[in-house]
Amino acid sequence: MDITIIGGGASGMAAAIAAAREGANVTIFEKEARVGRKLLATGNGKCNYSNTNYEGRIYNEGSEDFVDKVLKAVSPEETLAFFKDLGIYPRFESEGRVYPASEQAASVVDALRFELDRLPNIEVINSHWIKGIVRREATGGFFTVSHQNMRKHADRVIIACGGRAGSQYGCEGDGFVLAEAQGHSLVEPKPALVQLTCSEKYFTGLKGVRAKGEVTLLVKGKDGEIVPVGSEKGEIQFTETGISGICVFDLSGRANRAMEEGSCAVVIDLFPELSVHDFVVMMKDRLEKSKHKSCENFLNGLINKKLIPVILKESGIKKIEARASEITQEQLKSICRMLKQWRVGITGSKSWNDAQTTSGGIKLEEVNPETMESKLQKGLFFAGEVLDVDGRCGGYNLQWAWSSGILAGQKAATMEKE
């Protein structure tokens, strides 16, 4: 069995190793100078390569059943065993995150590259991009893959060239083009796990501020009503153009998709551990004890100092040095509203270069989750980010890459050819 894999990223390398171990002859085509380049940047260079915690919503809406079938076929536990066999010892951290004991993404990349080199039935062709795929039904049903000025025949083809996130690593949506040429359709790709940009001008002075809290995404429903569609807790990072942090990243794909339909916003709660009632009671008591202080000092110790002028100004208090005793009940209500229900308009997100993954991709109803084979084109398989699957931060997207890649490689190598 001759298998061509398009893309030498996480899912492509996993697919190649799995297929070669089943006896197939494998060729990987990678457009970059070396395979695994994007993987080197994951987890801030530490490579959070899996996660053992699968409680709650992990992957995008509509993909759960599909992903569940793939992860049952190649589980996180099997994935950790796969990497142990390559010499990668896991280190388990908070919230189920799994890192290599070396805490170096380079260790994971090197282990995969070593195995690709070790297996005699794998050929890696770098700096080559694929121009097209043609199925030759009249001559036995094999594929002809065109790459630059050459052609190669294959019994099976696995498209594993990622999405569009991380375009600086060569991710430009090539797989989407190849899939559409084979009759597949797409959910329009959008940046995900990415910083959101906001409309308010005061963010220019908040760069570098970090605060624990909860972020709720609001979108306009079909009836025009603004409704919450998801909330995440964690550290919120303020930037000169908007908001960032893991809790924001986990909402960003949905935010970008919601903006297709219209406007969206987020509500920031800087004190999610307190109800609105309890927070107002606390603030009234705080004000009563702070009447001798300035308005600025009234909020000192409660929030980051850079936030204080913004909160006061947005609450109608122009002079932060004024006495706290001058704060009116309406202004206090506004301060409480800002700290518990701070609404911010979302204008978009940072670019594909900044995104960690892609929301959207090849529609899942066109792919068999038991095999990763196309339902439209026999012998054509998919793996990884090219499909309409995107997960939360924490190793879930790499887990998807490994599971879908290994499954695609195994099935491409062992399924009977029709």
Protein backbone atom coordinates (compact mmCIF):
# COMPACT_ATOMS: atom_id res chain seq x y z
CA MET A 1 0.00 0.00 0.00
CA ASP A 2 1.45 3.34 -1.07
CA ILE A 3 0.23 6.30 0.98
CA THR A 4 0.91 9.95 0.34
CA ILE A 5 0.51 12.34 3.27
CA ILE A 6 0.19 16.04 2.51
CA GLY A 7 1.56 18.00 5.45
CA GLY A 8 4.30 17.22 7.97
CA GLY A 9 2.77 18.81 11.05
CA ALA A 10 1.56 17.04 14.17
CA SER A 11 -1.25 15.03 12.56
CA GLY A 12 0.76 14.28 9.42
CA MET A 13 3.74 12.91 11.31
CA ALA A 14 1.47 10.81 13.56
CA ALA A 15 -0.37 9.46 10.51
CA ALA A 16 2.88 8.56 8.77
CA ILE A 17 4.26 6.63 11.75
CA ALA A 18 0.96 4.79 12.29
CA ALA A 19 0.65 3.84 8.61
CA ALA A 20 4.29 2.73 8.31
CA ARG A 21 3.97 0.55 11.41
CA GLU A 22 1.09 -1.19 9.63
CA GLY A 23 3.40 -1.97 6.70
CA ALA A 24 2.46 0.78 4.24
CA ASN A 25 4.98 2.67 2.16
CA VAL A 26 4.56 6.32 3.13
CA THR A 27 5.62 9.57 1.54
CA ILE A 28 5.19 12.88 3.38
CA PHE A 29 5.18 16.10 1.41
CA GLU A 30 5.95 19.17 3.54
CA LYS A 31 6.09 22.68 2.06
CA GLU A 32 8.44 23.97 4.79
CA ALA A 33 12.16 23.15 5.00
CA ARG A 34 11.53 20.67 7.85
CA VAL A 35 8.56 18.82 9.31
CA GLY A 36 7.15 19.85 12.69
CA ARG A 37 8.10 23.51 12.60
CA LYS A 38 4.80 24.82 13.98
CA LEU A 39 4.86 22.21 16.75
CA LEU A 40 8.04 23.77 18.13
CA ALA A 41 6.06 26.86 19.19
CA THR A 42 3.27 25.07 21.06
CA GLY A 43 2.77 25.57 24.78
CA ASN A 44 5.15 28.55 24.79
CA GLY A 45 7.87 26.19 23.64
CA LYS A 46 7.02 23.56 26.27
CA CYS A 47 4.50 21.57 24.14
CA ASN A 48 1.33 20.88 26.11
CA TYR A 49 0.77 17.75 24.02
CA SER A 50 -2.28 16.22 25.69
CA ASN A 51 -4.85 16.61 28.46
CA THR A 52 -6.42 13.98 30.70
CA ASN A 53 -9.39 16.13 31.78
CA TYR A 54 -12.38 15.83 29.46
CA GLU A 55 -15.14 17.33 31.61
CA GLY A 56 -17.31 20.07 30.14
CA ARG A 57 -17.30 21.59 26.67
CA ILE A 58 -13.93 20.87 25.11
CA TYR A 59 -14.46 21.12 21.36
CA ASN A 60 -16.60 23.36 19.17
CA GLU A 61 -20.35 22.97 19.08
CA GLY A 62 -21.48 20.33 16.60
CA SER A 63 -18.20 18.39 16.65
CA GLU A 64 -18.63 16.56 19.98
CA ASP A 65 -20.02 13.25 18.66
CA PHE A 66 -17.46 13.10 15.85
CA VAL A 67 -14.52 13.85 18.15
CA ASP A 68 -15.79 11.42 20.77
CA LYS A 69 -15.72 8.55 18.26
CA VAL A 70 -12.17 9.42 17.18
CA LEU A 71 -10.92 9.72 20.78
CA LYS A 72 -12.52 6.37 21.64
CA ALA A 73 -10.63 4.80 18.74
CA VAL A 74 -7.32 6.44 19.75
CA SER A 75 -7.63 7.61 23.35
CA PRO A 76 -5.43 10.08 25.24
CA GLU A 77 -4.05 7.12 27.19
CA GLU A 78 -3.06 5.36 23.96
CA THR A 79 -1.51 8.61 22.77
CA LEU A 80 0.64 8.90 25.89
CA ALA A 81 1.75 5.30 25.33
CA PHE A 82 2.55 6.17 21.69
CA PHE A 83 4.85 8.96 22.88
CA LYS A 84 6.39 6.90 25.68
CA ASP A 85 7.38 4.42 23.00
CA LEU A 86 9.15 7.32 21.28
CA GLY A 87 10.95 8.23 24.51
CA ILE A 88 8.71 11.10 25.65
CA TYR A 89 7.96 10.75 29.37
CA PRO A 90 4.83 12.70 30.46
CA ARG A 91 4.66 15.25 33.24
CA PHE A 92 1.14 15.93 34.52
CA GLU A 93 0.27 19.45 35.62
CA SER A 94 -2.82 21.35 36.76
CA GLU A 95 -6.17 20.95 34.98
CA GLY A 96 -5.02 17.73 33.30
CA ARG A 97 -2.34 19.31 31.13
CA VAL A 98 0.43 16.97 29.95
CA TYR A 99 3.93 18.16 29.04
CA PRO A 100 7.11 16.28 28.17
CA ALA A 101 9.29 15.86 31.25
CA SER A 102 11.97 17.88 29.44
CA GLU A 103 9.50 20.77 29.13
CA GLN A 104 10.75 21.30 25.59
CA ALA A 105 8.63 21.15 22.47
CA ALA A 106 11.86 20.35 20.61
CA SER A 107 11.98 16.99 22.45
CA VAL A 108 8.60 16.00 21.00
CA VAL A 109 9.52 17.18 17.51
CA ASP A 110 12.88 15.40 17.63
CA ALA A 111 11.26 12.15 18.83
CA LEU A 112 8.82 12.22 15.91
CA ARG A 113 11.55 13.11 13.41
CA PHE A 114 13.79 10.31 14.71
CA GLU A 115 10.97 7.79 14.23
CA LEU A 116 10.27 9.06 10.71
CA ASP A 117 13.96 8.58 9.92
CA ARG A 118 14.13 5.18 11.62
CA LEU A 119 11.23 3.57 9.77
CA PRO A 120 12.59 2.43 6.37
CA ASN A 121 9.21 2.67 4.63
CA ILE A 122 8.80 6.44 5.23
CA GLU A 123 10.15 9.06 2.86
CA VAL A 124 9.98 12.74 3.84
CA ILE A 125 10.13 15.28 1.00
CA ASN A 126 10.55 18.80 2.37
CA SER A 127 10.17 22.15 0.57
CA HIS A 128 7.57 20.68 -1.79
CA TRP A 129 4.00 21.89 -2.10
CA ILE A 130 1.15 19.94 -3.63
CA LYS A 131 -0.61 21.43 -6.63
CA GLY A 132 -3.46 18.95 -7.00
CA ILE A 133 -4.88 15.47 -6.49
CA VAL A 134 -6.56 13.40 -9.20
CA ARG A 135 -8.18 9.99 -8.70
CA ARG A 136 -7.53 7.62 -11.61
CA GLU A 137 -10.60 5.36 -11.58
CA ALA A 138 -9.88 3.86 -14.99
CA THR A 139 -6.47 2.59 -13.94
CA GLY A 140 -7.15 0.86 -10.66
CA GLY A 141 -8.45 3.70 -8.55
CA PHE A 142 -5.09 5.14 -7.48
CA PHE A 143 -4.36 8.83 -7.00
CA THR A 144 -1.98 11.05 -8.89
CA VAL A 145 -0.52 13.77 -6.68
CA SER A 146 1.06 16.70 -8.51
CA HIS A 147 3.92 18.40 -6.69
CA GLN A 148 5.80 21.22 -8.37
CA ASN A 149 7.05 19.75 -11.66
CA MET A 150 6.56 16.09 -10.74
CA ARG A 151 3.81 13.58 -10.17
CA LYS A 152 3.46 10.69 -7.79
CA HIS A 153 0.99 7.80 -7.71
CA ALA A 154 -0.59 6.68 -4.43
CA ASP A 155 -3.21 4.17 -3.36
CA ARG A 156 -4.33 6.44 -0.52
CA VAL A 157 -3.93 10.14 0.24
CA ILE A 158 -4.15 11.76 3.68
CA ILE A 159 -4.63 15.53 3.76
CA ALA A 160 -3.07 16.72 7.02
CA CYS A 161 -1.73 20.16 6.15
CA GLY A 162 -3.48 22.08 8.92
CA GLY A 163 -5.70 25.12 8.76
CA ARG A 164 -4.72 28.77 8.53
CA ALA A 165 -3.55 29.50 12.09
CA GLY A 166 0.15 30.23 12.30
CA SER A 167 0.56 31.37 8.71
CA GLN A 168 4.20 32.24 9.49
CA TYR A 169 4.79 28.47 9.67
CA GLY A 170 3.38 27.91 6.18
CA CYS A 171 -0.23 27.30 7.24
CA GLU A 172 -2.17 29.01 4.47
CA GLY A 173 -5.24 26.79 4.05
CA ASP A 174 -3.77 24.61 1.29
CA GLY A 175 -5.75 21.62 2.57
CA PHE A 176 -9.01 23.51 2.18
CA VAL A 177 -8.25 24.16 -1.49
CA LEU A 178 -7.32 20.51 -2.12
CA ALA A 179 -10.44 19.25 -0.29
CA GLU A 180 -12.78 21.58 -2.18
CA ALA A 181 -11.28 20.36 -5.45
CA GLN A 182 -12.35 16.85 -4.39
CA GLY A 183 -15.94 18.00 -3.84
CA HIS A 184 -15.79 18.80 -0.13
CA SER A 185 -17.36 21.88 1.42
CA LEU A 186 -16.12 24.09 4.25
CA VAL A 187 -17.29 25.86 7.33
CA GLU A 188 -15.58 29.20 6.69
CA PRO A 189 -12.27 29.24 8.61
CA LYS A 190 -11.86 31.84 11.37
CA PRO A 191 -8.98 32.51 13.80
CA ALA A 192 -9.41 30.79 17.19
CA LEU A 193 -7.45 30.74 20.45
CA VAL A 194 -6.53 34.32 19.72
CA GLN A 195 -6.63 37.76 21.33
CA LEU A 196 -9.84 39.75 20.81
CA THR A 197 -9.82 43.40 19.79
CA CYS A 198 -12.19 45.88 21.42
CA SER A 199 -13.82 49.14 20.38
CA GLU A 200 -13.13 51.21 23.51
CA LYS A 201 -10.22 53.67 23.23
CA TYR A 202 -9.18 53.39 26.89
CA PHE A 203 -7.50 50.02 26.24
CA THR A 204 -4.40 51.84 25.02
CA GLY A 205 -3.61 52.68 28.67
CA LEU A 206 -4.29 49.18 30.01
CA LYS A 207 -1.49 47.31 28.25
CA GLY A 208 0.10 44.77 30.60
CA VAL A 209 -2.71 44.70 33.19
CA ARG A 210 -3.71 41.23 34.41
CA ALA A 211 -6.77 40.44 36.50
CA LYS A 212 -8.57 37.28 37.57
CA GLY A 213 -12.21 37.18 36.58
CA GLU A 214 -14.90 35.77 34.30
CA VAL A 215 -15.62 36.69 30.69
CA THR A 216 -19.05 36.09 29.12
CA LEU A 217 -19.57 36.26 25.37
CA LEU A 218 -22.77 37.98 24.18
CA VAL A 219 -24.08 37.56 20.63
CA LYS A 220 -27.14 38.70 18.77
CA GLY A 221 -29.69 35.90 18.38
CA LYS A 222 -31.88 35.30 15.33
CA ASP A 223 -34.63 37.41 16.87
CA GLY A 224 -32.22 40.28 17.43
CA GLU A 225 -31.98 39.69 21.17
CA ILE A 226 -28.51 39.80 22.74
CA VAL A 227 -27.87 36.49 24.52
CA PRO A 228 -24.92 34.95 26.41
CA VAL A 229 -23.39 31.95 24.61
CA GLY A 230 -20.49 31.05 26.88
CA SER A 231 -18.49 32.05 29.95
CA GLU A 232 -14.92 31.32 30.96
CA LYS A 233 -13.02 32.05 34.17
CA GLY A 234 -9.32 32.75 34.50
CA GLU A 235 -6.72 35.43 34.12
CA ILE A 236 -7.75 38.28 31.83
CA GLN A 237 -4.87 40.04 30.14
CA PHE A 238 -5.52 43.59 28.95
CA THR A 239 -3.68 44.78 25.85
CA GLU A 240 -3.48 48.09 24.04
CA THR A 241 -6.14 46.86 21.59
CA GLY A 242 -8.34 44.58 23.68
CA ILE A 243 -8.31 41.48 25.87
CA SER A 244 -6.33 38.27 25.94
CA GLY A 245 -5.64 35.32 28.24
CA ILE A 246 -6.74 31.68 28.17
CA CYS A 247 -10.32 32.46 29.19
CA VAL A 248 -10.57 34.91 26.27
CA PHE A 249 -8.87 32.50 23.87
CA ASP A 250 -11.45 29.83 24.67
CA LEU A 251 -14.24 32.19 23.55
CA SER A 252 -12.46 33.74 20.58
CA GLY A 253 -13.46 31.23 17.91
CA ARG A 254 -17.13 31.61 18.79
CA ALA A 255 -16.72 35.40 18.87
CA ASN A 256 -15.20 35.51 15.39
CA ARG A 257 -17.95 33.26 14.07
CA ALA A 258 -20.68 35.32 15.79
CA MET A 259 -19.42 38.46 14.06
CA GLU A 260 -20.43 36.90 10.74
CA GLU A 261 -24.04 37.39 11.84
CA GLY A 262 -23.63 40.80 13.47
CA SER A 263 -22.20 42.48 16.52
CA CYS A 264 -20.96 40.77 19.66
CA ALA A 265 -19.62 41.87 23.02
CA VAL A 266 -18.17 40.49 26.23
CA VAL A 267 -19.07 41.15 29.83
CA ILE A 268 -16.14 41.12 32.27
CA ASP A 269 -16.78 40.21 35.90
CA LEU A 270 -13.77 41.04 38.06
CA PHE A 271 -15.38 39.50 41.16
CA PRO A 272 -17.16 36.31 40.00
CA GLU A 273 -16.89 34.82 43.49
CA LEU A 274 -19.46 37.36 44.76
CA SER A 275 -23.10 37.77 43.74
CA VAL A 276 -24.15 41.21 42.51
CA HIS A 277 -26.07 41.76 45.79
CA ASP A 278 -23.15 40.77 48.01
CA PHE A 279 -20.74 42.86 45.97
CA VAL A 280 -22.93 45.97 46.22
CA VAL A 281 -23.24 45.49 49.99
CA MET A 282 -19.48 45.16 50.26
CA MET A 283 -18.89 48.29 48.17
CA LYS A 284 -21.35 50.37 50.20
CA ASP A 285 -19.57 49.34 53.38
CA ARG A 286 -16.20 50.07 51.76
CA LEU A 287 -17.34 53.55 50.73
CA GLU A 288 -18.64 54.28 54.21
CA LYS A 289 -15.19 53.47 55.62
CA SER A 290 -13.34 55.38 52.88
CA LYS A 291 -15.00 58.80 52.95
CA HIS A 292 -11.78 60.40 54.16
CA LYS A 293 -9.87 58.96 51.18
CA SER A 294 -9.67 60.10 47.58
CA CYS A 295 -11.76 58.35 44.93
CA GLU A 296 -8.56 56.73 43.68
CA ASN A 297 -7.66 55.41 47.12
CA PHE A 298 -11.22 54.17 47.60
CA LEU A 299 -10.47 51.51 44.93
CA ASN A 300 -6.82 50.94 45.92
CA GLY A 301 -6.20 47.32 46.85
CA LEU A 302 -9.37 46.21 45.10
CA ILE A 303 -8.23 46.29 41.48
CA ASN A 304 -5.04 46.95 39.52
CA LYS A 305 -4.02 50.61 39.80
CA LYS A 306 -4.10 51.08 36.02
CA LEU A 307 -7.77 50.09 36.01
CA ILE A 308 -8.81 52.67 38.61
CA PRO A 309 -8.85 55.79 36.37
CA VAL A 310 -10.80 53.90 33.68
CA ILE A 311 -13.39 52.57 36.14
CA LEU A 312 -13.87 55.99 37.73
CA LYS A 313 -14.09 57.87 34.44
CA GLU A 314 -16.55 55.39 32.94
CA SER A 315 -18.63 55.76 36.13
CA GLY A 316 -18.89 59.51 35.69
CA ILE A 317 -16.12 60.57 38.10
CA LYS A 318 -13.77 62.95 36.30
CA LYS A 319 -11.38 63.79 39.15
CA ILE A 320 -9.78 60.75 40.75
CA GLU A 321 -8.26 62.94 43.45
CA ALA A 322 -11.72 64.09 44.62
CA ARG A 323 -12.95 62.90 48.03
CA ALA A 324 -14.69 59.53 48.10
CA SER A 325 -17.37 61.21 50.22
CA GLU A 326 -18.46 63.03 47.03
CA ILE A 327 -19.30 59.77 45.23
CA THR A 328 -23.05 59.69 44.62
CA GLN A 329 -25.22 56.59 44.90
CA GLU A 330 -25.62 56.57 41.11
CA GLN A 331 -21.87 56.75 40.64
CA LEU A 332 -21.39 53.93 43.14
CA LYS A 333 -23.90 51.83 41.18
CA SER A 334 -21.91 52.56 38.03
CA ILE A 335 -18.66 51.53 39.72
CA CYS A 336 -20.27 48.28 40.86
CA ARG A 337 -21.62 47.71 37.37
CA MET A 338 -18.18 48.25 35.84
CA LEU A 339 -16.52 45.83 38.25
CA LYS A 340 -19.21 43.14 37.98
CA GLN A 341 -20.73 43.70 34.53
CA TRP A 342 -18.16 45.56 32.46
CA ARG A 343 -19.47 45.39 28.92
CA VAL A 344 -16.98 45.75 26.08
CA GLY A 345 -17.69 45.76 22.34
CA ILE A 346 -15.74 43.26 20.22
CA THR A 347 -14.50 44.45 16.82
CA GLY A 348 -12.54 41.37 15.78
CA SER A 349 -9.38 39.52 16.68
CA LYS A 350 -5.68 39.48 15.96
CA SER A 351 -4.49 37.94 12.70
CA TRP A 352 -3.89 34.36 11.60
CA ASN A 353 -0.25 34.80 12.61
CA ASP A 354 -1.39 35.21 16.23
CA ALA A 355 -4.04 32.46 16.24
CA GLN A 356 -3.18 29.10 17.77
CA THR A 357 -5.80 27.12 15.86
CA THR A 358 -8.52 27.38 13.22
CA SER A 359 -12.26 27.48 13.82
CA GLY A 360 -13.99 25.94 10.80
CA GLY A 361 -12.72 23.67 8.07
CA ILE A 362 -13.93 20.62 6.17
CA LYS A 363 -17.49 19.77 7.17
CA LEU A 364 -17.57 16.75 9.48
CA GLU A 365 -20.68 15.23 7.92
CA GLU A 366 -18.56 14.56 4.82
CA VAL A 367 -16.02 12.42 6.72
CA ASN A 368 -16.37 9.02 8.42
CA PRO A 369 -15.27 9.35 12.09
CA GLU A 370 -14.65 5.60 12.31
CA THR A 371 -11.91 5.78 9.66
CA MET A 372 -11.25 9.48 8.85
CA GLU A 373 -12.00 8.61 5.21
CA SER A 374 -13.91 10.96 2.95
CA LYS A 375 -17.51 9.96 2.31
CA LEU A 376 -17.23 11.59 -1.11
CA GLN A 377 -13.94 10.20 -2.37
CA LYS A 378 -12.81 6.66 -1.57
CA GLY A 379 -9.18 6.45 -0.53
CA LEU A 380 -8.98 10.09 0.56
CA PHE A 381 -8.45 10.66 4.30
CA PHE A 382 -8.18 13.69 6.56
CA ALA A 383 -6.49 14.44 9.87
CA GLY A 384 -5.97 17.35 12.20
CA GLU A 385 -6.80 21.03 11.94
CA VAL A 386 -8.00 20.84 8.33
CA LEU A 387 -11.31 19.51 9.70
CA ASP A 388 -13.98 21.58 11.45
CA VAL A 389 -12.70 20.75 14.94
CA ASP A 390 -11.24 23.23 17.39
CA GLY A 391 -10.72 22.75 21.10
CA ARG A 392 -10.02 24.79 24.20
CA CYS A 393 -6.53 25.73 25.37
CA GLY A 394 -4.77 23.02 27.31
CA GLY A 395 -3.47 20.39 24.89
CA TYR A 396 -6.83 19.45 23.40
CA ASN A 397 -6.00 20.54 19.86
CA LEU A 398 -2.78 18.55 19.81
CA GLN A 399 -4.65 15.56 21.23
CA TRP A 400 -7.07 15.89 18.31
CA ALA A 401 -4.12 16.01 15.91
CA TRP A 402 -2.55 12.84 17.35
CA SER A 403 -5.79 10.84 17.58
CA SER A 404 -7.10 11.80 14.14
CA GLY A 405 -3.66 11.35 12.58
CA ILE A 406 -2.99 7.92 14.08
CA LEU A 407 -6.50 6.74 13.18
CA ALA A 408 -6.22 8.02 9.59
CA GLY A 409 -2.81 6.39 9.19
CA GLN A 410 -3.94 3.04 10.58
CA LYS A 411 -7.11 2.88 8.51
CA ALA A 412 -5.48 4.12 5.31
CA ALA A 413 -2.90 1.33 5.63
CA THR A 414 -5.23 -1.52 6.59
CA MET A 415 -8.62 -0.96 4.93
CA GLU A 416 -9.23 -3.06 1.86
CA LYS A 417 -8.89 -1.14 -1.36
CA GLU A 418 -12.08 -0.90 -3.36
